[in-house]
Amino acid sequence: MMVLQNDVNEIKRILLREEPPEHFSFKDVARSFFGALFLGFAMLSKLLVDVASNLNIWLIVVFTSLILTTEIYFIGFARLKYQERKTRYFAEFWAKRFFTFYIVAIAVSAMLIWLYTINTLVPQDGMISLVLALSMPCAIGAASADLLRKY
């Protein structure tokens, strides 16, 4: 009975591609760039430009950090087997992905704002809040690209 259960679990793992996450590489950075670009395009609008000056920058950074940390844990770290969790600490696993995803998100949001010349619509002191406001969906897209790699 136990052999049958092991075979069923192995078939499920192969069919569902429940592989443990690989080590972080340049391919992950490229995937995160395109994921951030995809959601950044979708969220860039006149409404975001209008409300960006009234947003609390610190709350945006805190919520973006919380969302990224949650995504990193549930998308990547939770898929590690118990034995691998002993050798791959969450702090190291999190730091590599968090800082990469957030830096890519800020760079993509600044690039989109500059590319579509939205920077001319916003006063100079409102640019930081606009970049950070757009970086939230970009960061979610960057981390989601890691999830889509599984499929």
N, C-alpha and C. Protein backbone atom coordinates (compact mmCIF):
# COMPACT_ATOMS: atom_id res chain seq x y z
N MET A 1 0.82 -1.19 0.00
CA MET A 1 0.00 0.00 0.00
C MET A 1 0.87 1.26 0.00
N MET A 2 1.97 1.23 0.76
CA MET A 2 2.85 2.38 0.84
C MET A 2 3.57 2.63 -0.48
N VAL A 3 3.91 1.54 -1.20
CA VAL A 3 4.57 1.68 -2.50
C VAL A 3 3.62 2.35 -3.48
N LEU A 4 2.36 1.96 -3.45
CA LEU A 4 1.36 2.56 -4.33
C LEU A 4 1.20 4.05 -4.02
N GLN A 5 1.18 4.42 -2.75
CA GLN A 5 1.06 5.82 -2.36
C GLN A 5 2.27 6.63 -2.83
N ASN A 6 3.45 6.06 -2.72
CA ASN A 6 4.65 6.74 -3.19
C ASN A 6 4.61 6.94 -4.70
N ASP A 7 4.13 5.93 -5.43
CA ASP A 7 4.02 6.05 -6.89
C ASP A 7 3.00 7.13 -7.27
N VAL A 8 1.89 7.17 -6.58
CA VAL A 8 0.87 8.19 -6.85
C VAL A 8 1.42 9.59 -6.57
N ASN A 9 2.14 9.73 -5.47
CA ASN A 9 2.75 11.03 -5.15
C ASN A 9 3.79 11.44 -6.19
N GLU A 10 4.55 10.49 -6.69
CA GLU A 10 5.55 10.79 -7.72
C GLU A 10 4.88 11.21 -9.02
N ILE A 11 3.81 10.53 -9.40
CA ILE A 11 3.07 10.91 -10.61
C ILE A 11 2.47 12.30 -10.46
N LYS A 12 1.89 12.58 -9.30
CA LYS A 12 1.33 13.91 -9.05
C LYS A 12 2.42 14.98 -9.12
N ARG A 13 3.59 14.69 -8.57
CA ARG A 13 4.67 15.65 -8.60
C ARG A 13 5.12 15.94 -10.03
N ILE A 14 5.16 14.89 -10.85
CA ILE A 14 5.58 15.07 -12.25
C ILE A 14 4.51 15.82 -13.03
N LEU A 15 3.25 15.43 -12.86
CA LEU A 15 2.18 16.08 -13.60
C LEU A 15 1.95 17.53 -13.18
N LEU A 16 2.03 17.79 -11.91
CA LEU A 16 1.79 19.14 -11.41
C LEU A 16 3.05 19.99 -11.36
N ARG A 17 4.15 19.39 -11.74
CA ARG A 17 5.45 20.06 -11.75
C ARG A 17 5.75 20.69 -10.40
N GLU A 18 5.57 19.95 -9.36
CA GLU A 18 5.85 20.43 -8.02
C GLU A 18 7.32 20.25 -7.70
N GLU A 19 8.12 20.95 -8.42
CA GLU A 19 9.56 20.89 -8.22
C GLU A 19 9.95 21.95 -7.20
N PRO A 20 10.95 21.67 -6.40
CA PRO A 20 11.43 22.72 -5.50
C PRO A 20 12.02 23.87 -6.30
N PRO A 21 11.95 25.08 -5.79
CA PRO A 21 12.49 26.21 -6.55
C PRO A 21 14.00 26.08 -6.75
N GLU A 22 14.42 26.50 -7.92
CA GLU A 22 15.85 26.45 -8.24
C GLU A 22 16.55 27.60 -7.54
N HIS A 23 17.86 27.59 -7.61
CA HIS A 23 18.62 28.70 -7.07
C HIS A 23 18.42 29.92 -7.96
N PHE A 24 18.49 31.09 -7.36
CA PHE A 24 18.22 32.35 -8.05
C PHE A 24 19.30 32.61 -9.09
N SER A 25 18.88 33.01 -10.30
CA SER A 25 19.84 33.22 -11.37
C SER A 25 19.45 34.44 -12.19
N PHE A 26 20.24 34.70 -13.24
CA PHE A 26 19.95 35.84 -14.11
C PHE A 26 18.64 35.64 -14.87
N LYS A 27 18.26 34.40 -15.13
CA LYS A 27 16.98 34.14 -15.79
C LYS A 27 15.82 34.65 -14.95
N ASP A 28 15.95 34.53 -13.63
CA ASP A 28 14.91 35.04 -12.74
C ASP A 28 14.82 36.56 -12.81
N VAL A 29 15.95 37.22 -12.96
CA VAL A 29 15.96 38.68 -13.10
C VAL A 29 15.26 39.08 -14.39
N ALA A 30 15.56 38.37 -15.48
CA ALA A 30 14.91 38.68 -16.76
C ALA A 30 13.41 38.42 -16.69
N ARG A 31 13.01 37.31 -16.07
CA ARG A 31 11.57 37.03 -15.90
C ARG A 31 10.89 38.10 -15.08
N SER A 32 11.55 38.53 -14.02
CA SER A 32 10.95 39.56 -13.17
C SER A 32 10.82 40.88 -13.91
N PHE A 33 11.78 41.18 -14.79
CA PHE A 33 11.68 42.40 -15.59
C PHE A 33 10.44 42.38 -16.47
N PHE A 34 10.21 41.27 -17.16
CA PHE A 34 9.05 41.20 -18.05
C PHE A 34 7.74 41.12 -17.27
N GLY A 35 7.75 40.48 -16.12
CA GLY A 35 6.56 40.46 -15.27
C GLY A 35 6.21 41.85 -14.77
N ALA A 36 7.23 42.60 -14.36
CA ALA A 36 7.01 43.97 -13.90
C ALA A 36 6.54 44.86 -15.04
N LEU A 37 7.11 44.66 -16.20
CA LEU A 37 6.70 45.44 -17.38
C LEU A 37 5.25 45.17 -17.75
N PHE A 38 4.86 43.92 -17.67
CA PHE A 38 3.49 43.53 -18.02
C PHE A 38 2.47 44.20 -17.11
N LEU A 39 2.65 44.10 -15.80
CA LEU A 39 1.69 44.73 -14.88
C LEU A 39 1.86 46.24 -14.83
N GLY A 40 3.07 46.73 -15.06
CA GLY A 40 3.28 48.17 -15.09
C GLY A 40 2.52 48.83 -16.22
N PHE A 41 2.55 48.21 -17.41
CA PHE A 41 1.77 48.72 -18.54
C PHE A 41 0.29 48.78 -18.20
N ALA A 42 -0.19 47.73 -17.55
CA ALA A 42 -1.62 47.65 -17.25
C ALA A 42 -2.06 48.69 -16.23
N MET A 43 -1.20 49.05 -15.30
CA MET A 43 -1.59 49.95 -14.23
C MET A 43 -1.27 51.43 -14.49
N LEU A 44 -0.53 51.70 -15.53
CA LEU A 44 -0.17 53.08 -15.83
C LEU A 44 -1.37 53.81 -16.41
N SER A 45 -1.87 54.79 -15.69
CA SER A 45 -3.05 55.51 -16.16
C SER A 45 -3.03 56.95 -15.65
N LYS A 46 -3.93 57.75 -16.17
CA LYS A 46 -4.06 59.14 -15.75
C LYS A 46 -4.51 59.23 -14.30
N LEU A 47 -5.33 58.29 -13.87
CA LEU A 47 -5.79 58.28 -12.48
C LEU A 47 -4.62 58.11 -11.51
N LEU A 48 -3.69 57.23 -11.86
CA LEU A 48 -2.51 57.04 -11.01
C LEU A 48 -1.70 58.32 -10.93
N VAL A 49 -1.58 59.03 -12.04
CA VAL A 49 -0.84 60.29 -12.06
C VAL A 49 -1.54 61.32 -11.17
N ASP A 50 -2.87 61.34 -11.22
CA ASP A 50 -3.63 62.33 -10.44
C ASP A 50 -3.54 62.08 -8.94
N VAL A 51 -3.60 60.83 -8.52
CA VAL A 51 -3.62 60.54 -7.08
C VAL A 51 -2.23 60.31 -6.49
N ALA A 52 -1.22 60.20 -7.30
CA ALA A 52 0.12 59.89 -6.79
C ALA A 52 0.64 60.94 -5.83
N SER A 53 0.31 62.19 -6.06
CA SER A 53 0.82 63.24 -5.17
C SER A 53 0.15 63.20 -3.80
N ASN A 54 -1.03 62.59 -3.68
CA ASN A 54 -1.75 62.52 -2.41
C ASN A 54 -1.48 61.24 -1.64
N LEU A 55 -0.71 60.34 -2.19
CA LEU A 55 -0.46 59.05 -1.55
C LEU A 55 0.62 59.15 -0.48
N ASN A 56 0.51 58.31 0.51
CA ASN A 56 1.53 58.23 1.56
C ASN A 56 2.63 57.28 1.08
N ILE A 57 3.80 57.82 0.85
CA ILE A 57 4.90 57.05 0.28
C ILE A 57 5.30 55.90 1.19
N TRP A 58 5.34 56.15 2.49
CA TRP A 58 5.79 55.11 3.41
C TRP A 58 4.83 53.94 3.45
N LEU A 59 3.54 54.22 3.37
CA LEU A 59 2.57 53.12 3.35
C LEU A 59 2.70 52.28 2.08
N ILE A 60 2.99 52.93 0.98
CA ILE A 60 3.18 52.20 -0.27
C ILE A 60 4.40 51.28 -0.16
N VAL A 61 5.48 51.80 0.40
CA VAL A 61 6.70 50.98 0.54
C VAL A 61 6.45 49.82 1.51
N VAL A 62 5.75 50.07 2.62
CA VAL A 62 5.48 49.02 3.59
C VAL A 62 4.58 47.94 2.99
N PHE A 63 3.50 48.35 2.32
CA PHE A 63 2.60 47.36 1.74
C PHE A 63 3.25 46.60 0.58
N THR A 64 4.06 47.27 -0.20
CA THR A 64 4.78 46.58 -1.26
C THR A 64 5.74 45.55 -0.66
N SER A 65 6.42 45.91 0.41
CA SER A 65 7.33 44.97 1.08
C SER A 65 6.57 43.78 1.64
N LEU A 66 5.42 44.02 2.25
CA LEU A 66 4.62 42.92 2.79
C LEU A 66 4.11 41.99 1.69
N ILE A 67 3.64 42.58 0.61
CA ILE A 67 3.14 41.76 -0.50
C ILE A 67 4.26 40.94 -1.11
N LEU A 68 5.42 41.56 -1.32
CA LEU A 68 6.56 40.83 -1.89
C LEU A 68 7.02 39.71 -0.96
N THR A 69 7.09 39.99 0.32
CA THR A 69 7.52 38.97 1.28
C THR A 69 6.54 37.80 1.29
N THR A 70 5.26 38.09 1.26
CA THR A 70 4.25 37.04 1.23
C THR A 70 4.36 36.21 -0.04
N GLU A 71 4.52 36.88 -1.17
CA GLU A 71 4.66 36.15 -2.43
C GLU A 71 5.92 35.29 -2.43
N ILE A 72 7.01 35.82 -1.96
CA ILE A 72 8.26 35.06 -1.93
C ILE A 72 8.12 33.83 -1.05
N TYR A 73 7.47 33.99 0.08
CA TYR A 73 7.32 32.85 0.97
C TYR A 73 6.41 31.78 0.37
N PHE A 74 5.23 32.18 -0.07
CA PHE A 74 4.25 31.18 -0.53
C PHE A 74 4.54 30.66 -1.93
N ILE A 75 5.16 31.45 -2.78
CA ILE A 75 5.45 30.97 -4.13
C ILE A 75 6.73 30.14 -4.15
N GLY A 76 7.74 30.56 -3.41
CA GLY A 76 9.02 29.88 -3.49
C GLY A 76 9.38 29.05 -2.28
N PHE A 77 9.47 29.69 -1.13
CA PHE A 77 10.01 29.01 0.04
C PHE A 77 9.12 27.89 0.55
N ALA A 78 7.83 28.04 0.44
CA ALA A 78 6.91 27.00 0.92
C ALA A 78 7.01 25.72 0.09
N ARG A 79 7.54 25.81 -1.12
CA ARG A 79 7.68 24.62 -1.96
C ARG A 79 8.93 23.81 -1.64
N LEU A 80 9.81 24.37 -0.81
CA LEU A 80 11.01 23.62 -0.43
C LEU A 80 10.63 22.48 0.50
N LYS A 81 11.34 21.39 0.35
CA LYS A 81 11.13 20.27 1.26
C LYS A 81 11.75 20.60 2.61
N TYR A 82 11.33 19.88 3.63
CA TYR A 82 11.77 20.17 4.99
C TYR A 82 13.29 20.08 5.13
N GLN A 83 13.92 19.11 4.46
CA GLN A 83 15.37 18.96 4.55
C GLN A 83 16.08 20.14 3.91
N GLU A 84 15.52 20.67 2.82
CA GLU A 84 16.14 21.79 2.14
C GLU A 84 15.97 23.08 2.92
N ARG A 85 14.90 23.19 3.70
CA ARG A 85 14.69 24.39 4.50
C ARG A 85 15.75 24.54 5.58
N LYS A 86 16.34 23.42 5.99
CA LYS A 86 17.39 23.49 7.01
C LYS A 86 18.66 24.09 6.43
N THR A 87 18.93 23.87 5.15
CA THR A 87 20.15 24.38 4.54
C THR A 87 19.95 25.72 3.84
N ARG A 88 18.74 26.01 3.40
CA ARG A 88 18.44 27.27 2.72
C ARG A 88 17.56 28.12 3.66
N TYR A 89 18.17 29.04 4.31
CA TYR A 89 17.46 29.85 5.29
C TYR A 89 16.55 30.85 4.59
N PHE A 90 15.42 31.16 5.23
CA PHE A 90 14.45 32.07 4.63
C PHE A 90 15.02 33.47 4.45
N ALA A 91 15.84 33.92 5.37
CA ALA A 91 16.39 35.27 5.26
C ALA A 91 17.24 35.42 4.00
N GLU A 92 18.05 34.42 3.71
CA GLU A 92 18.87 34.46 2.50
C GLU A 92 18.00 34.31 1.25
N PHE A 93 17.07 33.36 1.32
CA PHE A 93 16.15 33.11 0.21
C PHE A 93 15.35 34.37 -0.09
N TRP A 94 14.88 35.05 0.97
CA TRP A 94 14.06 36.25 0.83
C TRP A 94 14.87 37.43 0.32
N ALA A 95 16.05 37.66 0.88
CA ALA A 95 16.83 38.85 0.56
C ALA A 95 17.20 38.92 -0.92
N LYS A 96 17.64 37.80 -1.47
CA LYS A 96 18.03 37.81 -2.88
C LYS A 96 16.84 38.19 -3.77
N ARG A 97 15.71 37.59 -3.50
CA ARG A 97 14.54 37.83 -4.33
C ARG A 97 13.91 39.19 -4.05
N PHE A 98 13.79 39.56 -2.80
CA PHE A 98 13.14 40.81 -2.43
C PHE A 98 13.84 42.01 -3.05
N PHE A 99 15.13 42.12 -2.82
CA PHE A 99 15.85 43.29 -3.32
C PHE A 99 15.91 43.30 -4.84
N THR A 100 16.04 42.15 -5.45
CA THR A 100 16.05 42.09 -6.91
C THR A 100 14.70 42.51 -7.47
N PHE A 101 13.62 41.94 -6.94
CA PHE A 101 12.29 42.27 -7.44
C PHE A 101 11.95 43.73 -7.22
N TYR A 102 12.30 44.27 -6.05
CA TYR A 102 11.93 45.65 -5.76
C TYR A 102 12.76 46.63 -6.59
N ILE A 103 14.03 46.35 -6.78
CA ILE A 103 14.87 47.23 -7.61
C ILE A 103 14.41 47.17 -9.07
N VAL A 104 14.09 45.98 -9.55
CA VAL A 104 13.57 45.86 -10.92
C VAL A 104 12.25 46.60 -11.05
N ALA A 105 11.39 46.51 -10.05
CA ALA A 105 10.10 47.18 -10.10
C ALA A 105 10.25 48.70 -10.14
N ILE A 106 11.15 49.23 -9.34
CA ILE A 106 11.38 50.68 -9.34
C ILE A 106 11.99 51.12 -10.67
N ALA A 107 12.92 50.35 -11.19
CA ALA A 107 13.54 50.70 -12.48
C ALA A 107 12.52 50.65 -13.61
N VAL A 108 11.67 49.64 -13.63
CA VAL A 108 10.66 49.52 -14.68
C VAL A 108 9.63 50.64 -14.56
N SER A 109 9.21 50.96 -13.36
CA SER A 109 8.22 52.03 -13.22
C SER A 109 8.81 53.38 -13.63
N ALA A 110 10.06 53.64 -13.27
CA ALA A 110 10.71 54.89 -13.71
C ALA A 110 10.87 54.91 -15.23
N MET A 111 11.20 53.76 -15.81
CA MET A 111 11.35 53.69 -17.26
C MET A 111 10.03 53.94 -17.97
N LEU A 112 8.94 53.36 -17.46
CA LEU A 112 7.63 53.56 -18.08
C LEU A 112 7.19 55.02 -17.98
N ILE A 113 7.43 55.63 -16.84
CA ILE A 113 7.06 57.04 -16.67
C ILE A 113 7.86 57.93 -17.61
N TRP A 114 9.13 57.64 -17.76
CA TRP A 114 9.97 58.42 -18.65
C TRP A 114 9.63 58.12 -20.12
N LEU A 115 9.36 56.87 -20.43
CA LEU A 115 9.09 56.48 -21.81
C LEU A 115 7.82 57.13 -22.35
N TYR A 116 6.80 57.20 -21.52
CA TYR A 116 5.54 57.82 -21.94
C TYR A 116 5.46 59.29 -21.57
N THR A 117 6.56 59.90 -21.21
CA THR A 117 6.71 61.31 -20.85
C THR A 117 5.66 61.78 -19.84
N ILE A 118 5.33 60.91 -18.93
CA ILE A 118 4.41 61.28 -17.86
C ILE A 118 5.12 62.19 -16.87
N ASN A 119 6.43 62.16 -16.89
CA ASN A 119 7.18 63.04 -15.99
C ASN A 119 6.91 64.51 -16.26
N THR A 120 6.43 64.86 -17.44
CA THR A 120 6.10 66.26 -17.73
C THR A 120 4.76 66.66 -17.12
N LEU A 121 3.92 65.69 -16.77
CA LEU A 121 2.61 65.99 -16.18
C LEU A 121 2.66 66.16 -14.68
N VAL A 122 3.75 65.75 -14.07
CA VAL A 122 3.86 65.73 -12.62
C VAL A 122 4.94 66.71 -12.19
N PRO A 123 4.71 67.46 -11.12
CA PRO A 123 5.80 68.31 -10.61
C PRO A 123 6.97 67.45 -10.14
N GLN A 124 8.13 68.06 -10.09
CA GLN A 124 9.36 67.33 -9.78
C GLN A 124 9.28 66.62 -8.44
N ASP A 125 8.67 67.23 -7.43
CA ASP A 125 8.61 66.59 -6.12
C ASP A 125 7.59 65.45 -6.08
N GLY A 126 6.70 65.35 -7.05
CA GLY A 126 5.73 64.27 -7.11
C GLY A 126 6.23 63.04 -7.88
N MET A 127 7.40 63.15 -8.49
CA MET A 127 7.93 62.03 -9.27
C MET A 127 8.25 60.82 -8.40
N ILE A 128 8.78 61.06 -7.22
CA ILE A 128 9.15 59.94 -6.35
C ILE A 128 7.92 59.16 -5.94
N SER A 129 6.86 59.88 -5.56
CA SER A 129 5.64 59.18 -5.16
C SER A 129 4.99 58.48 -6.35
N LEU A 130 5.10 59.05 -7.54
CA LEU A 130 4.54 58.39 -8.72
C LEU A 130 5.32 57.12 -9.05
N VAL A 131 6.64 57.17 -8.97
CA VAL A 131 7.46 55.99 -9.23
C VAL A 131 7.17 54.90 -8.20
N LEU A 132 7.06 55.28 -6.94
CA LEU A 132 6.78 54.29 -5.90
C LEU A 132 5.37 53.73 -6.00
N ALA A 133 4.41 54.58 -6.41
CA ALA A 133 3.04 54.09 -6.59
C ALA A 133 2.96 53.08 -7.72
N LEU A 134 3.68 53.34 -8.80
CA LEU A 134 3.68 52.40 -9.92
C LEU A 134 4.55 51.18 -9.63
N SER A 135 5.50 51.33 -8.71
CA SER A 135 6.37 50.19 -8.41
C SER A 135 5.63 49.08 -7.66
N MET A 136 4.51 49.40 -7.01
CA MET A 136 3.77 48.34 -6.30
C MET A 136 3.24 47.28 -7.27
N PRO A 137 2.47 47.65 -8.31
CA PRO A 137 2.04 46.60 -9.24
C PRO A 137 3.21 45.99 -10.02
N CYS A 138 4.24 46.78 -10.27
CA CYS A 138 5.41 46.23 -10.95
C CYS A 138 6.09 45.16 -10.09
N ALA A 139 6.16 45.40 -8.79
CA ALA A 139 6.77 44.42 -7.88
C ALA A 139 5.94 43.15 -7.82
N ILE A 140 4.62 43.30 -7.81
CA ILE A 140 3.75 42.13 -7.80
C ILE A 140 3.94 41.33 -9.09
N GLY A 141 4.06 42.02 -10.21
CA GLY A 141 4.30 41.34 -11.48
C GLY A 141 5.66 40.67 -11.53
N ALA A 142 6.66 41.31 -10.94
CA ALA A 142 8.00 40.73 -10.92
C ALA A 142 8.03 39.45 -10.10
N ALA A 143 7.36 39.43 -8.98
CA ALA A 143 7.33 38.23 -8.15
C ALA A 143 6.41 37.15 -8.75
N SER A 144 5.38 37.57 -9.44
CA SER A 144 4.45 36.60 -10.04
C SER A 144 5.10 35.86 -11.20
N ALA A 145 6.08 36.46 -11.82
CA ALA A 145 6.78 35.78 -12.91
C ALA A 145 7.45 34.51 -12.40
N ASP A 146 7.86 34.50 -11.14
CA ASP A 146 8.44 33.31 -10.54
C ASP A 146 7.40 32.20 -10.42
N LEU A 147 6.18 32.59 -10.12
CA LEU A 147 5.08 31.61 -10.04
C LEU A 147 4.76 31.03 -11.41
N LEU A 148 4.72 31.88 -12.42
CA LEU A 148 4.38 31.42 -13.76
C LEU A 148 5.46 30.54 -14.36
N ARG A 149 6.69 30.67 -13.87
CA ARG A 149 7.78 29.81 -14.35
C ARG A 149 7.48 28.35 -14.04
N LYS A 150 6.74 28.13 -12.98
CA LYS A 150 6.40 26.77 -12.57
C LYS A 150 5.57 26.08 -13.65
N TYR A 151 4.78 26.83 -14.38
CA TYR A 151 3.90 26.26 -15.40
C TYR A 151 4.50 26.48 -16.74
